[in-house]
Protein backbone atom coordinates (compact mmCIF):
# COMPACT_ATOMS: atom_id res chain seq x y z
CA PRO A 1 17.89 -9.64 4.53
CA GLU A 2 21.34 -8.35 5.71
CA ALA A 3 21.67 -5.29 7.26
CA ALA A 4 24.46 -3.41 9.00
CA ALA A 5 23.39 -1.45 12.32
CA GLY A 6 22.05 2.00 11.54
CA SER A 7 21.57 1.15 7.95
CA VAL A 8 18.52 2.61 5.97
CA MET A 9 15.50 0.05 5.95
CA SER A 10 14.54 -1.16 2.89
CA LEU A 11 11.26 -0.01 1.80
CA LEU A 12 9.84 -2.42 -0.99
CA THR A 13 6.89 -2.13 -3.42
CA ILE A 14 4.82 -5.32 -4.42
CA PRO A 15 4.21 -4.92 -8.12
CA GLY A 16 1.13 -7.07 -7.96
CA SER A 17 -1.11 -9.13 -5.67
CA SER A 18 -3.46 -12.03 -6.10
CA SER A 19 -4.95 -10.94 -3.00
CA CYS A 20 -5.95 -7.60 -4.12
CA ARG A 21 -8.62 -6.74 -6.69
CA THR A 22 -7.47 -5.69 -10.13
CA PRO A 23 -6.52 -2.71 -10.35
CA CYS A 24 -6.24 -2.41 -6.79
CA ALA A 25 -6.57 1.39 -5.56
CA THR A 26 -4.65 0.81 -2.49
CA HIS A 27 -1.72 -1.44 -3.09
CA SER A 28 -0.65 -1.67 -6.88
CA SER A 29 -0.08 1.87 -7.02
CA GLN A 30 0.18 3.20 -3.75
CA PRO A 31 2.38 6.55 -3.55
CA ARG A 32 4.75 5.66 -0.71
CA ARG A 33 7.27 7.77 1.29
CA GLU A 34 11.11 6.40 0.85
CA ALA A 35 13.25 5.73 3.91
CA THR A 36 11.78 8.48 6.40
CA VAL A 37 12.28 6.27 9.51
CA PRO A 38 14.60 8.32 11.88
CA ALA A 39 18.01 6.50 12.39
CA THR A 40 17.05 5.61 15.82
CA PHE A 41 14.25 3.57 14.92
CA ARG A 42 15.73 1.95 11.63
CA ASN A 43 16.25 -1.79 11.63
CA TRP A 44 13.63 -2.35 13.91
CA TRP A 45 12.84 -5.93 12.23
CA ILE A 46 16.06 -7.18 13.52
CA ILE A 47 15.74 -9.73 16.72
CA ARG A 48 18.11 -11.37 18.33
CA SER A 49 16.12 -14.88 18.73
CA PRO A 50 16.52 -17.41 15.49
CA LEU A 51 14.39 -16.64 12.80
CA THR A 52 12.04 -19.55 11.59
CA ASN A 53 10.52 -17.55 8.68
CA PHE A 54 9.82 -14.11 7.49
CA VAL A 55 5.97 -13.09 7.12
CA PRO A 56 6.01 -10.24 4.50
CA LEU A 57 3.22 -7.41 5.69
CA CYS A 58 2.02 -5.07 3.11
CA ALA A 59 1.36 -2.29 4.87
CA THR A 60 -0.66 -0.09 1.88
CA GLY A 61 2.06 -0.96 -0.48
CA THR A 62 5.27 -1.19 1.70
CA LEU A 63 6.88 -4.37 1.89
CA VAL A 64 7.54 -4.82 5.68
CA ALA A 65 9.50 -7.98 6.99
CA ALA A 66 8.51 -9.03 10.70
CA ALA A 67 9.98 -12.29 12.23
CA THR A 68 7.34 -14.90 13.84
CA LYS A 69 7.91 -17.10 16.71
CA ARG A 70 8.25 -20.92 15.89
CA ARG A 71 4.47 -21.45 16.82
CA GLY A 72 3.47 -19.28 13.92
CA HIS A 73 2.13 -16.31 15.86
CA ALA A 74 3.04 -12.43 15.76
CA THR A 75 3.39 -10.85 19.56
CA ARG A 76 1.24 -7.91 19.48
CA SER A 77 2.82 -4.56 21.23
CA GLY A 78 2.17 -4.15 24.60
CA VAL A 79 -0.11 -1.59 26.08
CA ARG A 80 0.18 1.00 28.45
CA ARG A 81 0.54 0.54 32.22
CA ARG A 82 -1.97 3.09 33.50
CA ALA A 83 -5.39 4.33 31.67
CA PHE A 84 -4.71 7.71 32.84
CA TYR A 85 -1.95 10.42 33.43
CA TYR A 86 -2.76 13.37 36.18
CA ASP A 87 -2.13 16.58 35.02
CA PRO A 88 -1.02 19.57 37.01
CA ASN A 89 -4.13 20.20 38.76
CA GLY A 90 -4.61 16.37 39.82
CA THR A 91 -7.25 15.76 36.94
CA ARG A 92 -7.18 12.35 35.20
CA ARG A 93 -6.56 12.96 31.66
CA LYS A 94 -6.00 11.41 28.17
CA THR A 95 -4.33 12.64 25.02
CA ILE A 96 -6.55 12.21 22.23
CA TRP A 97 -5.63 13.34 18.39
CA PHE A 98 -8.82 13.47 16.03
CA ILE A 99 -8.00 13.28 12.10
CA ARG A 100 -10.64 13.64 9.82
CA HIS A 101 -9.52 11.28 6.35
CA GLY A 102 -7.86 12.31 3.41
CA GLN A 103 -9.66 13.82 0.46
CA SER A 104 -12.20 11.03 -1.10
CA GLU A 105 -14.09 10.57 -4.65
CA HIS A 106 -17.06 11.91 -3.13
CA ASN A 107 -15.48 14.91 -1.45
CA VAL A 108 -14.32 15.94 -4.85
CA LEU A 109 -17.97 15.48 -6.60
CA TYR A 110 -19.32 17.32 -3.65
CA HIS A 111 -16.79 20.15 -3.94
CA SER A 112 -17.83 20.73 -7.64
CA GLY A 113 -21.42 20.79 -6.77
CA GLN A 114 -22.32 17.46 -7.74
CA LYS A 115 -24.25 16.37 -4.85
CA ASP A 116 -26.55 13.80 -6.13
CA ALA A 117 -23.41 12.28 -7.67
CA ALA A 118 -21.21 12.32 -4.60
CA ILE A 119 -24.20 10.43 -2.23
CA SER A 120 -24.65 8.09 -4.71
CA LEU A 121 -21.10 6.73 -4.10
CA LEU A 122 -21.17 3.56 -2.21
CA ASP A 123 -18.02 3.46 0.14
CA PRO A 124 -15.97 5.85 -1.68
CA GLU A 125 -12.18 5.43 -1.88
CA LEU A 126 -9.54 8.17 -1.24
CA THR A 127 -8.35 9.67 -4.30
CA GLU A 128 -4.36 10.09 -5.32
CA GLU A 129 -4.39 13.62 -3.57
CA GLY A 130 -6.46 12.26 -0.45
CA LYS A 131 -3.64 9.32 -0.37
CA MET A 132 -0.63 11.89 -0.69
CA GLN A 133 -2.33 13.96 2.10
CA ALA A 134 -2.61 10.74 4.38
CA ILE A 135 1.05 10.22 3.80
CA SER A 136 2.24 13.42 4.90
CA ALA A 137 0.23 13.50 8.17
CA SER A 138 3.08 11.85 10.14
CA GLY A 139 5.04 15.04 9.20
CA ASP A 140 2.18 17.08 11.28
CA ARG A 141 3.59 18.96 14.56
CA LEU A 142 0.74 17.79 16.37
CA LEU A 143 1.63 13.84 15.21
CA ASN A 144 5.18 13.73 14.63
CA ARG A 145 6.37 13.29 17.90
CA PRO A 146 4.23 10.36 18.94
CA ILE A 147 4.20 8.77 15.94
CA TYR A 148 8.18 8.74 16.07
CA THR A 149 8.40 8.42 19.98
CA ARG A 150 8.59 4.50 20.69
CA ASP A 151 8.79 4.57 24.40
CA GLN A 152 4.65 4.13 25.19
CA LYS A 153 5.14 4.55 28.50
CA ARG A 154 5.80 8.43 27.98
CA GLN A 155 4.84 10.11 24.90
CA GLY A 156 4.32 7.79 22.11
CA LEU A 157 1.01 6.90 20.49
CA GLN A 158 -0.51 3.81 22.13
CA LEU A 159 -3.56 3.30 19.70
CA VAL A 160 -5.17 4.23 16.56
CA VAL A 161 -8.74 3.47 15.91
CA ALA A 162 -10.79 4.18 12.64
CA SER A 163 -14.28 3.93 11.18
CA PRO A 164 -14.57 0.90 9.10
CA LEU A 165 -15.06 2.80 5.87
CA ARG A 166 -12.49 2.61 3.24
CA ARG A 167 -11.32 5.93 3.05
CA THR A 168 -10.44 6.09 6.64
CA VAL A 169 -9.12 2.74 7.06
CA ASP A 170 -6.57 3.55 4.33
CA THR A 171 -5.99 7.05 5.73
CA ALA A 172 -5.08 5.36 8.95
CA LEU A 173 -2.93 2.96 7.36
CA LEU A 174 -0.91 5.80 5.54
CA ALA A 175 -0.53 8.23 7.97
CA PHE A 176 0.62 5.77 10.68
CA GLN A 177 2.67 3.98 8.35
CA ASP A 178 5.86 4.41 10.03
CA TRP A 179 4.08 3.31 13.43
CA LEU A 180 2.58 0.43 12.77
CA PRO A 181 5.71 -1.94 12.66
CA GLY A 182 5.81 -1.67 16.69
CA GLU A 183 8.85 -1.47 18.77
CA PRO A 184 12.22 -3.62 18.44
CA LYS A 185 12.06 -5.30 21.86
CA ARG A 186 8.69 -6.36 21.72
CA ARG A 187 9.18 -8.08 18.18
CA GLY A 188 5.41 -7.41 17.18
CA TRP A 189 3.42 -4.36 15.59
CA HIS A 190 0.64 -2.10 16.19
CA ARG A 191 -2.91 -2.58 14.41
CA VAL A 192 -5.37 -0.29 13.23
CA HIS A 193 -8.60 -0.74 15.32
CA LEU A 194 -11.66 -0.75 13.74
CA LEU A 195 -14.73 0.70 15.75
CA SER A 196 -18.27 0.73 13.84
CA ASP A 197 -19.38 3.61 16.21
CA LEU A 198 -17.10 5.89 14.22
CA ARG A 199 -19.32 5.75 10.72
CA GLU A 200 -20.53 8.69 9.20
CA ILE A 201 -23.68 10.13 10.30
CA GLY A 202 -26.22 12.08 8.18
CA ARG A 203 -30.02 13.13 7.69
CA GLU A 204 -30.45 9.99 5.93
CA VAL A 205 -28.94 6.83 4.90
CA VAL A 206 -27.17 7.42 1.67
CA PRO A 207 -24.40 5.25 -0.04
CA CYS A 208 -21.49 7.63 0.45
CA ASN A 209 -21.84 7.13 4.49
CA THR A 210 -22.66 3.28 4.29
CA GLY A 211 -19.65 1.07 4.70
CA SER A 212 -18.88 -2.29 2.98
CA PRO A 213 -19.92 -5.80 4.27
CA LEU A 214 -17.63 -6.83 6.73
CA ASP A 215 -16.48 -9.97 4.28
CA THR A 216 -16.04 -7.51 1.26
CA LEU A 217 -14.09 -5.38 3.67
CA LYS A 218 -11.53 -8.27 4.83
CA GLU A 219 -11.08 -9.04 1.08
CA ARG A 220 -10.19 -5.19 0.04
CA PHE A 221 -7.79 -5.13 3.01
CA LYS A 222 -6.76 -8.70 2.62
CA VAL A 223 -3.16 -7.67 2.17
CA ASP A 224 -2.94 -5.69 5.02
CA SER A 225 -5.14 -7.96 7.43
CA ARG A 226 -2.42 -8.09 10.00
CA LEU A 227 -2.09 -4.43 10.57
CA ILE A 228 -5.97 -4.20 10.95
CA ASP A 229 -8.08 -4.92 14.22
CA PHE A 230 -11.61 -6.13 13.01
CA ARG A 231 -12.72 -7.95 16.33
CA GLU A 232 -15.46 -4.90 17.09
CA VAL A 233 -16.91 -4.94 13.88
CA GLN A 234 -20.15 -7.03 13.69
CA PRO A 235 -20.82 -8.32 10.41
CA SER A 236 -24.23 -6.65 9.96
CA TRP A 237 -22.41 -3.13 11.15
CA ASP A 238 -22.99 -1.51 7.40
CA GLN A 239 -26.91 -1.95 7.96
CA GLU A 240 -27.06 -0.88 11.20
CA ASP A 241 -28.30 2.77 10.67
CA SER A 242 -31.39 1.48 8.53
CA LEU A 243 -32.48 -0.65 11.28
CA GLU A 244 -32.82 2.27 13.61
CA GLU A 245 -36.50 3.93 14.48
CA ASP A 246 -35.45 6.67 15.81
CA TYR A 247 -32.04 8.09 14.27
CA CYS A 248 -31.85 10.80 16.22
CA SER A 249 -31.58 9.03 19.46
CA ALA A 250 -29.52 6.28 17.96
CA VAL A 251 -27.04 8.83 17.06
CA HIS A 252 -26.63 10.56 20.60
CA ALA A 253 -26.45 7.18 22.23
CA ARG A 254 -23.27 6.38 19.80
CA LEU A 255 -21.62 9.76 20.49
CA ASN A 256 -22.01 9.04 24.39
CA ARG A 257 -21.07 5.27 23.97
CA PHE A 258 -18.02 5.99 21.65
CA ARG A 259 -16.65 8.74 24.61
CA VAL A 260 -17.37 6.00 27.45
CA TRP A 261 -15.28 3.65 24.97
CA LEU A 262 -12.33 6.08 25.11
CA ALA A 263 -12.46 6.72 28.81
CA GLN A 264 -12.71 2.82 29.29
CA ARG A 265 -9.64 2.14 27.21
CA ARG A 266 -6.58 1.12 28.67
CA GLU A 267 -4.24 3.37 26.38
CA SER A 268 -3.66 6.90 27.37
CA ARG A 269 -2.65 7.96 23.98
CA ILE A 270 -5.11 7.63 21.11
CA ALA A 271 -5.33 8.50 17.34
CA VAL A 272 -8.87 8.74 15.88
CA VAL A 273 -9.38 8.59 12.31
CA ALA A 274 -12.91 9.55 11.28
CA HIS A 275 -15.73 11.81 9.43
CA HIS A 276 -16.61 15.23 9.17
CA ASN A 277 -20.17 14.78 10.34
CA ILE A 278 -19.51 12.49 13.13
CA LEU A 279 -16.37 14.41 14.48
CA ALA A 280 -18.61 17.75 14.61
CA ALA A 281 -21.01 16.23 16.23
CA LEU A 282 -18.54 14.59 18.56
CA LEU A 283 -16.45 17.91 18.88
CA GLY A 284 -18.71 20.91 17.68
CA VAL A 285 -15.99 21.76 14.94
CA SER A 286 -16.03 21.35 11.37
CA PHE A 287 -12.65 19.56 10.22
CA LEU A 288 -11.06 19.93 6.84
CA ASN A 289 -9.47 16.89 5.00
CA LEU A 290 -6.64 15.75 7.16
CA GLU A 291 -7.17 18.14 9.52
CA VAL A 292 -5.42 17.22 12.89
CA ARG A 293 -6.79 18.38 16.24
CA ARG A 294 -5.59 17.41 19.83
CA TYR A 295 -7.87 17.20 22.78
CA GLY A 296 -8.00 16.10 26.25
CA LEU A 297 -10.29 13.80 27.67
CA VAL A 298 -10.91 14.46 31.26
CA CYS A 299 -12.80 12.26 33.78
CA THR A 300 -14.71 13.66 36.30
CA GLY A 301 -15.80 10.58 38.35
CA GLU A 302 -14.80 7.10 39.33
CA VAL A 303 -17.09 5.07 36.64
CA CYS A 304 -16.18 7.53 33.81
CA SER A 305 -19.88 7.07 32.49
CA GLY A 306 -20.98 9.53 29.39
CA ASP A 307 -21.76 12.07 31.67
CA GLU A 308 -18.52 12.31 33.58
CA VAL A 309 -16.21 12.03 30.14
CA GLU A 310 -15.38 15.57 28.73
CA LEU A 311 -13.38 16.17 25.93
CA VAL A 312 -11.34 19.33 26.15
CA PRO A 313 -9.74 21.07 22.68
CA GLU A 314 -5.89 21.61 23.23
CA VAL A 315 -4.69 22.38 19.99
CA PRO A 316 -5.41 24.29 17.79
CA VAL A 317 -7.83 26.23 20.05
CA VAL A 318 -11.28 26.37 18.59
CA SER A 319 -12.34 29.68 17.26
CA SER A 320 -14.71 32.11 18.83
CA THR A 321 -15.05 35.06 15.75
CA ASP A 322 -15.31 34.45 12.15
CA ASP A 323 -11.83 36.62 12.21
CA GLN A 324 -10.02 33.95 13.20
CA LEU A 325 -10.95 31.72 10.16
CA SER A 326 -8.69 31.00 7.44
CA LYS A 327 -9.17 31.41 3.82
CA ALA A 328 -9.63 27.65 3.57
CA ASP A 329 -12.14 27.51 6.66
CA ARG A 330 -14.23 29.85 5.36
CA GLN A 331 -14.11 28.29 1.99
CA HIS A 332 -15.15 25.04 3.69
CA LEU A 333 -17.95 26.37 5.94
CA ASP A 334 -19.42 28.27 2.18
CA ILE A 335 -19.79 24.50 1.20
CA TYR A 336 -20.80 22.50 4.36
CA SER A 337 -22.61 25.07 6.52
CA GLY A 338 -26.38 24.88 5.05
CA THR A 339 -25.96 21.00 4.87
CA VAL A 340 -24.36 20.58 8.60
CA GLY A 341 -26.74 23.45 9.85
CA ARG A 342 -29.89 21.07 9.04
CA LEU A 343 -28.38 17.45 10.15
CA PHE A 344 -27.53 19.22 13.54
CA ASP A 345 -30.91 20.82 13.65
CA PHE A 346 -32.42 17.48 12.66
CA LEU A 347 -30.03 15.55 15.59
CA ASP A 348 -30.62 18.37 18.34
CA LEU A 349 -26.89 19.11 18.46
CA PRO A 350 -25.52 22.73 18.17
CA CYS A 351 -24.01 23.54 15.05
CA PRO A 352 -20.18 23.32 14.86
CA ALA A 353 -17.77 26.01 14.75
């Protein structure tokens, strides 16, 4: 490719791909944002060393040219130097952005009253509206700065972790498509880290909350495989819930395990893409589709065990009365309050705000 300094990076769609299923729900007809990368970060793929070849990476329908080294392996972007930063009070702290996935097929059915049809869908996809919601996420006031700030030592985003269900993986790839190319000087790209502990929860194991087998998942995202880290997803991850004898205790253990996982990660600025119920159980608050909330992770002990990790809401502040709720919040609670209330009673968790 030929490019002059400061020119707009070309974003090209791939009309078709044999590695996608037909029709491909994500890649062949994927909506995309044209040339929205700030001028400061354009031409990120131009490097000084001689190029042996270009490897096309299809970031959810966008062709990205990334140079590889002669040995054929790309260098992953580096991670932070410190696991925590210290707030003015001297407390060790991390910044965590929690995001619920965009509108999916079962959400539409559920909101229209077709609950049986909604829960019968196996690992449902995002709708077209859900894809557009995800694309617009980078413009959210809470995500814009961390996505476009490339200095990871200061304010830039360092890690994106998502549930391995298709709707959350697609949401992460679309929402962070401007972050995934990585930093020019590091000659690499970021990845969406998949974690099975973030899969959705319910009173019973239902298809809409059940993920696809690992081989199926890898085939589904074959075009984006270089942008996804599957290493912590076990082959039997989609069957784990059905194997639990005490589901309530298993959910509590999973929530505790995830808090510790966040605390022990080397990164201090992390985005988490997950589902309504798991986020409500973890944080005690309901989420609309593609709603973003920023929390501080505080570790009060040296080891950062489950009891020593606390997630503190920063922006927006959690409502304390119904008068503080928006119209969309009230409609959301009208739909979910009964089902979620019964679920949380079953799991012995406080009902979310």
